[in-house]
C-alpha atoms as a PDB file:
ATOM      1  CA  MET A   1      22.062 126.023 114.672  1.00  0.00           C
ATOM      2  CA  LYS A   2      22.431 128.976 112.297  1.00  0.00           C
ATOM      3  CA  ILE A   3      26.124 129.295 113.161  1.00  0.00           C
ATOM      4  CA  PHE A   4      26.662 125.604 112.475  1.00  0.00           C
ATOM      5  CA  PHE A   5      24.885 125.926 109.126  1.00  0.00           C
ATOM      6  CA  ILE A   6      27.009 128.949 108.151  1.00  0.00           C
ATOM      7  CA  PHE A   7      30.181 127.140 109.226  1.00  0.00           C
ATOM      8  CA  THR A   8      29.235 124.055 107.193  1.00  0.00           C
ATOM      9  CA  LEU A   9      28.445 126.196 104.157  1.00  0.00           C
ATOM     10  CA  MET A  10      31.792 128.000 104.428  1.00  0.00           C
ATOM     11  CA  ALA A  11      33.675 124.711 104.833  1.00  0.00           C
ATOM     12  CA  PHE A  12      31.929 123.285 101.794  1.00  0.00           C
ATOM     13  CA  GLY A  13      32.752 126.425  99.816  1.00  0.00           C
ATOM     14  CA  TYR A  14      36.389 126.185 100.853  1.00  0.00           C
ATOM     15  CA  VAL A  15      36.680 122.527  99.780  1.00  0.00           C
ATOM     16  CA  PHE A  16      34.835 123.253  96.529  1.00  0.00           C
ATOM     17  CA  SER A  17      37.218 126.124  95.787  1.00  0.00           C
ATOM     18  CA  LEU A  18      40.208 123.896  96.381  1.00  0.00           C
ATOM     19  CA  TRP A  19      38.693 121.208  94.179  1.00  0.00           C
ATOM     20  CA  LYS A  20      37.772 123.619  91.399  1.00  0.00           C
ATOM     21  CA  TRP A  21      40.679 126.077  91.349  1.00  0.00           C
ATOM     22  CA  GLY A  22      43.237 124.823  93.848  1.00  0.00           C
ATOM     23  CA  GLY A  23      44.130 121.567  92.098  1.00  0.00           C
ATOM     24  CA  LEU A  24      42.632 119.321  94.788  1.00  0.00           C
ATOM     25  CA  ASP A  25      40.826 117.243  92.179  1.00  0.00           C
ATOM     26  CA  THR A  26      44.081 116.731  90.316  1.00  0.00           C
ATOM     27  CA  SER A  27      45.952 115.636  93.430  1.00  0.00           C
ATOM     28  CA  VAL A  28      43.197 113.213  94.466  1.00  0.00           C
ATOM     29  CA  MET A  29      42.978 111.683  91.014  1.00  0.00           C
ATOM     30  CA  MET A  30      46.748 111.470  90.904  1.00  0.00           C
ATOM     31  CA  LYS A  31      46.766 109.528  94.175  1.00  0.00           C
ATOM     32  CA  TRP A  32      44.058 107.198  92.913  1.00  0.00           C
ATOM     33  CA  ASN A  33      45.976 106.592  89.698  1.00  0.00           C
ATOM     34  CA  GLN A  34      49.185 106.011  91.619  1.00  0.00           C
ATOM     35  CA  GLN A  35      47.467 103.524  93.914  1.00  0.00           C
ATOM     36  CA  PHE A  36      45.967 101.702  90.942  1.00  0.00           C
ATOM     37  CA  GLU A  37      49.361 101.602  89.253  1.00  0.00           C
ATOM     38  CA  TYR A  38      50.999 100.239  92.413  1.00  0.00           C
ATOM     39  CA  GLU A  39      48.402  97.474  92.648  1.00  0.00           C
ATOM     40  CA  ARG A  40      48.795  96.605  88.972  1.00  0.00           C
ATOM     41  CA  LYS A  41      52.585  96.416  89.267  1.00  0.00           C
ATOM     42  CA  SER A  42      52.234  94.335  92.425  1.00  0.00           C
ATOM     43  CA  GLN A  43      50.102  91.781  90.574  1.00  0.00           C
ATOM     44  CA  VAL A  44      52.569  91.675  87.673  1.00  0.00           C
ATOM     45  CA  LEU A  45      55.494  91.172  90.065  1.00  0.00           C
ATOM     46  CA  ALA A  46      53.598  88.423  91.894  1.00  0.00           C
ATOM     47  CA  ARG A  47      53.026  86.553  88.615  1.00  0.00           C
ATOM     48  CA  GLU A  48      56.654  86.991  87.594  1.00  0.00           C
ATOM     49  CA  ASN A  49      57.751  85.754  91.012  1.00  0.00           C
ATOM     50  CA  ARG A  50      55.706  82.567  90.636  1.00  0.00           C
ATOM     51  CA  VAL A  51      57.240  81.896  87.222  1.00  0.00           C
ATOM     52  CA  LEU A  52      60.769  82.554  88.526  1.00  0.00           C
ATOM     53  CA  THR A  53      60.176  80.289  91.525  1.00  0.00           C
ATOM     54  CA  ALA A  54      59.122  77.487  89.196  1.00  0.00           C
ATOM     55  CA  LYS A  55      62.189  78.059  86.998  1.00  0.00           C
ATOM     56  CA  VAL A  56      64.494  78.005  90.027  1.00  0.00           C
ATOM     57  CA  SER A  57      62.925  74.734  91.165  1.00  0.00           C
ATOM     58  CA  ASP A  58      63.449  73.265  87.712  1.00  0.00           C
ATOM     59  CA  LEU A  59      67.089  74.365  87.643  1.00  0.00           C
ATOM     60  CA  GLN A  60      67.624  72.892  91.089  1.00  0.00           C
ATOM     61  CA  TYR A  61      66.110  69.659  89.811  1.00  0.00           C
ATOM     62  CA  GLN A  62      68.503  69.590  86.853  1.00  0.00           C
ATOM     63  CA  ILE A  63      71.502  70.382  89.071  1.00  0.00           C
ATOM     64  CA  SER A  64      70.522  67.695  91.571  1.00  0.00           C
ATOM     65  CA  GLN A  65      70.103  65.232  88.723  1.00  0.00           C
ATOM     66  CA  LEU A  66      73.579  65.996  87.347  1.00  0.00           C
ATOM     67  CA  GLU A  67      75.149  65.782  90.795  1.00  0.00           C
ATOM     68  CA  SER A  68      73.469  62.449  91.405  1.00  0.00           C
ATOM     69  CA  ARG A  69      74.665  61.056  88.083  1.00  0.00           C
ATOM     70  CA  ASN A  70      78.208  62.227  88.730  1.00  0.00           C
ATOM     71  CA  LYS A  71      78.102  60.675  92.182  1.00  0.00           C
ATOM     72  CA  TYR A  72      76.740  57.444  90.752  1.00  0.00           C
ATOM     73  CA  PHE A  73      79.338  57.134  88.000  1.00  0.00           C
ATOM     74  CA  SER A  74      82.192  58.082  90.336  1.00  0.00           C
ATOM     75  CA  ALA A  75      81.083  55.466  92.824  1.00  0.00           C
ATOM     76  CA  GLN A  76      80.593  52.949  90.033  1.00  0.00           C
ATOM     77  CA  LYS A  77      84.116  53.527  88.747  1.00  0.00           C
ATOM     78  CA  LYS A  78      85.672  53.358  92.225  1.00  0.00           C
ATOM     79  CA  ASN A  79      83.837  50.175  93.138  1.00  0.00           C
ATOM     80  CA  ALA A  80      84.587  48.593  89.780  1.00  0.00           C
ATOM     81  CA  GLU A  81      88.276  49.144  90.411  1.00  0.00           C
ATOM     82  CA  SER A  82      88.028  47.618  93.894  1.00  0.00           C
ATOM     83  CA  GLY A  83      85.687  44.830  92.793  1.00  0.00           C
ATOM     84  CA  ARG A  84      82.903  45.898  95.205  1.00  0.00           C
ATOM     85  CA  LYS A  85      79.211  46.458  94.506  1.00  0.00           C
ATOM     86  CA  ILE A  86      77.572  49.844  94.923  1.00  0.00           C
ATOM     87  CA  ALA A  87      75.459  49.862  98.058  1.00  0.00           C
ATOM     88  CA  SER A  88      74.984  53.520  98.957  1.00  0.00           C
ATOM     89  CA  VAL A  89      73.849  54.962  95.621  1.00  0.00           C
ATOM     90  CA  PRO A  90      70.251  54.120  94.623  1.00  0.00           C
ATOM     91  CA  ILE A  91      69.744  52.880  91.084  1.00  0.00           C
ATOM     92  CA  GLN A  92      67.462  55.302  89.225  1.00  0.00           C
ATOM     93  CA  ASN A  93      64.598  54.046  87.085  1.00  0.00           C
ATOM     94  CA  PRO A  94      64.720  56.008  83.791  1.00  0.00           C
ATOM     95  CA  ASP A  95      60.916  56.102  83.715  1.00  0.00           C
ATOM     96  CA  ASP A  96      60.779  57.682  87.175  1.00  0.00           C
ATOM     97  CA  LEU A  97      61.052  61.403  86.443  1.00  0.00           C
ATOM     98  CA  VAL A  98      60.784  62.363  90.121  1.00  0.00           C
ATOM     99  CA  ALA A  99      63.441  60.085  91.634  1.00  0.00           C
ATOM    100  CA  TYR A 100      62.392  61.064  95.127  1.00  0.00           C
ATOM    101  CA  GLU A 101      64.777  58.658  96.861  1.00  0.00           C
ATOM    102  CA  VAL A 102      67.662  60.471  95.191  1.00  0.00           C
ATOM    103  CA  TYR A 103      66.587  64.118  95.451  1.00  0.00           C
ATOM    104  CA  ARG A 104      64.343  64.125  98.540  1.00  0.00           C
ATOM    105  CA  TRP A 105      62.086  66.886  97.214  1.00  0.00           C
ATOM    106  CA  THR A 106      60.174  69.084  99.624  1.00  0.00           C
ATOM    107  CA  PRO A 107      56.382  69.338  99.107  1.00  0.00           C
ATOM    108  CA  GLU A 108      56.830  72.893  97.808  1.00  0.00           C
ATOM    109  CA  LYS A 109      59.390  71.772  95.212  1.00  0.00           C
ATOM    110  CA  LEU A 110      57.188  68.903  94.059  1.00  0.00           C
ATOM    111  CA  LEU A 111      54.257  71.276  93.596  1.00  0.00           C
ATOM    112  CA  ALA A 112      56.277  73.978  91.843  1.00  0.00           C
ATOM    113  CA  ILE A 113      57.633  71.540  89.257  1.00  0.00           C
ATOM    114  CA  GLY A 114      54.263  69.836  88.827  1.00  0.00           C
ATOM    115  CA  GLU A 115      52.533  73.146  88.113  1.00  0.00           C
ATOM    116  CA  LYS A 116      55.271  74.369  85.780  1.00  0.00           C
ATOM    117  CA  GLU A 117      55.294  71.182  83.725  1.00  0.00           C
ATOM    118  CA  LEU A 118      51.499  71.256  83.482  1.00  0.00           C
ATOM    119  CA  HIS A 119      51.686  74.842  82.210  1.00  0.00           C
ATOM    120  CA  PHE A 120      54.120  73.777  79.486  1.00  0.00           C
ATOM    121  CA  LYS A 121      52.048  70.651  78.715  1.00  0.00           C
ATOM    122  CA  ASN A 122      54.733  68.203  79.819  1.00  0.00           C
ATOM    123  CA  PHE A 123      51.947  66.043  81.203  1.00  0.00           C
ATOM    124  CA  GLU A 124      53.876  62.901  82.153  1.00  0.00           C
ATOM    125  CA  LYS A 125      56.442  64.761  84.234  1.00  0.00           C
ATOM    126  CA  SER A 126      53.743  66.966  85.742  1.00  0.00           C
ATOM    127  CA  ALA A 127      51.579  63.972  86.637  1.00  0.00           C
ATOM    128  CA  GLN A 128      54.471  62.179  88.312  1.00  0.00           C
ATOM    129  CA  PHE A 129      55.421  65.169  90.459  1.00  0.00           C
ATOM    130  CA  TYR A 130      51.806  65.804  91.452  1.00  0.00           C
ATOM    131  CA  ASN A 131      51.283  62.137  92.260  1.00  0.00           C
ATOM    132  CA  GLU A 132      54.458  62.000  94.346  1.00  0.00           C
ATOM    133  CA  LEU A 133      53.361  65.050  96.297  1.00  0.00           C
ATOM    134  CA  ILE A 134      49.876  63.713  97.026  1.00  0.00           C
ATOM    135  CA  GLY A 135      51.092  60.191  97.730  1.00  0.00           C
ATOM    136  CA  ARG A 136      53.896  61.142 100.104  1.00  0.00           C
ATOM    137  CA  PHE A 137      52.261  64.139 101.760  1.00  0.00           C
ATOM    138  CA  PRO A 138      48.490  63.437 101.603  1.00  0.00           C
ATOM    139  CA  ALA A 139      47.666  65.502 104.711  1.00  0.00           C
ATOM    140  CA  HIS A 140      49.938  68.452 103.927  1.00  0.00           C
ATOM    141  CA  ALA A 141      48.230  71.862 103.855  1.00  0.00           C
ATOM    142  CA  ILE A 142      49.627  72.449 100.373  1.00  0.00           C
ATOM    143  CA  VAL A 143      47.440  69.658  98.952  1.00  0.00           C
ATOM    144  CA  SER A 144      44.354  71.768  98.190  1.00  0.00           C
ATOM    145  CA  ASP A 145      41.417  71.376  95.814  1.00  0.00           C
ATOM    146  CA  ARG A 146      43.376  73.322  93.190  1.00  0.00           C
ATOM    147  CA  VAL A 147      46.307  70.913  93.521  1.00  0.00           C
ATOM    148  CA  LEU A 148      44.045  67.865  93.273  1.00  0.00           C
ATOM    149  CA  PHE A 149      42.414  69.301  90.155  1.00  0.00           C
ATOM    150  CA  GLY A 150      45.774  70.003  88.508  1.00  0.00           C
ATOM    151  CA  ALA A 151      46.941  66.499  89.382  1.00  0.00           C
ATOM    152  CA  GLY A 152      43.801  64.954  87.911  1.00  0.00           C
ATOM    153  CA  VAL A 153      44.043  66.898  84.654  1.00  0.00           C
ATOM    154  CA  ALA A 154      47.774  66.248  84.233  1.00  0.00           C
ATOM    155  CA  ALA A 155      47.292  62.510  84.814  1.00  0.00           C
ATOM    156  CA  PHE A 156      44.405  62.332  82.353  1.00  0.00           C
ATOM    157  CA  GLU A 157      46.313  64.217  79.664  1.00  0.00           C
ATOM    158  CA  THR A 158      49.188  61.700  79.755  1.00  0.00           C
ATOM    159  CA  GLY A 159      46.831  59.354  77.944  1.00  0.00           C
ATOM    160  CA  LYS A 160      47.624  56.464  80.286  1.00  0.00           C
ATOM    161  CA  ARG A 161      47.398  57.598  83.943  1.00  0.00           C
ATOM    162  CA  PHE A 162      43.606  57.461  84.114  1.00  0.00           C
ATOM    163  CA  ASP A 163      43.672  55.607  87.453  1.00  0.00           C
ATOM    164  CA  TRP A 164      45.691  58.461  88.995  1.00  0.00           C
ATOM    165  CA  SER A 165      43.276  60.966  87.514  1.00  0.00           C
ATOM    166  CA  GLU A 166      40.267  59.148  88.969  1.00  0.00           C
ATOM    167  CA  LYS A 167      41.924  58.886  92.391  1.00  0.00           C
ATOM    168  CA  HIS A 168      42.798  62.588  92.652  1.00  0.00           C
ATOM    169  CA  LEU A 169      39.522  63.880  91.259  1.00  0.00           C
ATOM    170  CA  SER A 170      37.446  61.539  93.419  1.00  0.00           C
ATOM    171  CA  ARG A 171      39.163  62.979  96.473  1.00  0.00           C
ATOM    172  CA  LEU A 172      38.386  66.515  95.298  1.00  0.00           C
ATOM    173  CA  VAL A 173      34.728  65.728  94.665  1.00  0.00           C
ATOM    174  CA  LYS A 174      34.372  63.996  98.025  1.00  0.00           C
ATOM    175  CA  ASN A 175      36.235  66.513 100.206  1.00  0.00           C
ATOM    176  CA  TYR A 176      35.493  69.819  98.439  1.00  0.00           C
ATOM    177  CA  PRO A 177      31.826  69.882  97.350  1.00  0.00           C
ATOM    178  CA  LYS A 178      31.803  73.701  97.323  1.00  0.00           C
ATOM    179  CA  SER A 179      35.057  74.094  95.402  1.00  0.00           C
ATOM    180  CA  GLU A 180      35.221  76.255  92.300  1.00  0.00           C
ATOM    181  CA  PHE A 181      36.826  73.216  90.635  1.00  0.00           C
ATOM    182  CA  TYR A 182      34.012  70.835  91.617  1.00  0.00           C
ATOM    183  CA  ARG A 183      32.080  70.881  88.351  1.00  0.00           C
ATOM    184  CA  GLY A 184      35.221  70.621  86.249  1.00  0.00           C
ATOM    185  CA  ALA A 185      36.433  67.773  88.452  1.00  0.00           C
ATOM    186  CA  LYS A 186      33.160  65.948  87.818  1.00  0.00           C
ATOM    187  CA  LEU A 187      33.721  66.270  84.080  1.00  0.00           C
ATOM    188  CA  TRP A 188      37.309  64.976  84.115  1.00  0.00           C
ATOM    189  CA  LEU A 189      36.406  62.252  86.621  1.00  0.00           C
ATOM    190  CA  ALA A 190      33.681  60.926  84.342  1.00  0.00           C
ATOM    191  CA  LEU A 191      36.042  60.962  81.353  1.00  0.00           C
ATOM    192  CA  ALA A 192      38.721  59.117  83.351  1.00  0.00           C
ATOM    193  CA  GLN A 193      36.167  56.460  84.283  1.00  0.00           C
ATOM    194  CA  TYR A 194      35.083  56.223  80.646  1.00  0.00           C
ATOM    195  CA  GLN A 195      38.657  55.756  79.434  1.00  0.00           C
ATOM    196  CA  GLN A 196      39.155  52.886  81.881  1.00  0.00           C
ATOM    197  CA  GLY A 197      35.982  51.143  80.776  1.00  0.00           C
ATOM    198  CA  HIS A 198      34.294  51.646  84.157  1.00  0.00           C
ATOM    199  CA  HIS A 199      30.894  52.099  82.579  1.00  0.00           C
ATOM    200  CA  ASP A 200      28.861  51.744  85.761  1.00  0.00           C
ATOM    201  CA  LYS A 201      30.901  54.402  87.552  1.00  0.00           C
ATOM    202  CA  PHE A 202      30.825  56.600  84.475  1.00  0.00           C
ATOM    203  CA  LEU A 203      27.048  56.417  84.151  1.00  0.00           C
ATOM    204  CA  ALA A 204      26.523  57.107  87.861  1.00  0.00           C
ATOM    205  CA  THR A 205      28.762  60.167  87.743  1.00  0.00           C
ATOM    206  CA  VAL A 206      27.244  61.478  84.540  1.00  0.00           C
ATOM    207  CA  GLU A 207      23.669  60.871  85.652  1.00  0.00           C
ATOM    208  CA  GLU A 208      24.266  63.031  88.718  1.00  0.00           C
ATOM    209  CA  PHE A 209      25.926  65.613  86.482  1.00  0.00           C
ATOM    210  CA  ARG A 210      23.019  65.515  84.021  1.00  0.00           C
ATOM    211  CA  LEU A 211      20.446  66.174  86.717  1.00  0.00           C
ATOM    212  CA  LYS A 212      22.300  69.097  88.283  1.00  0.00           C
ATOM    213  CA  TYR A 213      24.211  70.730  85.412  1.00  0.00           C
ATOM    214  CA  ARG A 214      22.215  69.944  82.297  1.00  0.00           C
ATOM    215  CA  ASN A 215      22.597  73.436  80.780  1.00  0.00           C
ATOM    216  CA  THR A 216      26.380  73.675  81.000  1.00  0.00           C
ATOM    217  CA  GLU A 217      29.236  73.345  78.545  1.00  0.00           C
ATOM    218  CA  GLU A 218      30.548  70.384  80.539  1.00  0.00           C
ATOM    219  CA  TRP A 219      27.319  68.499  79.907  1.00  0.00           C
ATOM    220  CA  LYS A 220      27.619  69.097  76.173  1.00  0.00           C
ATOM    221  CA  ILE A 221      30.984  67.339  76.276  1.00  0.00           C
ATOM    222  CA  LEU A 222      29.812  64.431  78.426  1.00  0.00           C
ATOM    223  CA  SER A 223      26.550  63.879  76.564  1.00  0.00           C
ATOM    224  CA  ARG A 224      28.430  62.599  73.511  1.00  0.00           C
ATOM    225  CA  TYR A 225      29.837  59.764  75.612  1.00  0.00           C
ATOM    226  CA  TYR A 226      26.751  59.345  77.762  1.00  0.00           C
ATOM    227  CA  GLU A 227      24.277  58.388  75.052  1.00  0.00           C
ATOM    228  CA  ASP A 228      26.696  55.909  73.477  1.00  0.00           C
ATOM    229  CA  ILE A 229      27.678  54.157  76.714  1.00  0.00           C
ATOM    230  CA  ASN A 230      24.148  54.201  78.112  1.00  0.00           C
ATOM    231  CA  TYR A 231      22.916  52.442  74.975  1.00  0.00           C
ATOM    232  CA  LYS A 232      25.655  49.801  75.087  1.00  0.00           C
ATOM    233  CA  VAL A 233      25.191  49.063  78.789  1.00  0.00           C
ATOM    234  CA  LYS A 234      21.394  48.725  78.550  1.00  0.00           C
ATOM    235  CA  LYS A 235      21.750  46.631  75.424  1.00  0.00           C
END
């Protein structure tokens, strides 16, 4: 026992000497700093990669759009000369910013463009890409609570797609009750119902919100609408 104690004391003294005078503390701190720096750079690179991926998707969209137009006009010219109608080239609706039948987007491309356009506040284009993704691939693993929330917000912010917003946010609230976006989804859902004049739905949603989240910033926003609509409905 005494030998073990002496050995432990000597080992401790040796490590302390290295730490104090041998530069061990410097080397350890250097490694910690290096590791921290690596992690920080990794996070920065990950963010930059997401932005670049979105930009690449957007460029691919623009290229595909130009190729499709060239194909359309070439076919139109050829068939005009021969007197035939165009059968193989789909006619693109100018209000359809996705044009899925022309470009055949993958779910990942639809999401990347939807998120990018939402970031840059191009709400109509974002809402259309989100809606196409959720409508065509409703069971895809990529359609998460975060995606449904982004879709709901983008649709609401267009100022006219309130039915899309209600549909996406209702799905989030129903399927993801423990989501970090749940409370925010409740807020936007109630506002979408309000904008459509669905007063009964609005009041039901807000009443539940009032009982559970009375002391939140979201309630402060909803309460302005709540008192007014509640008065009109009861009247």
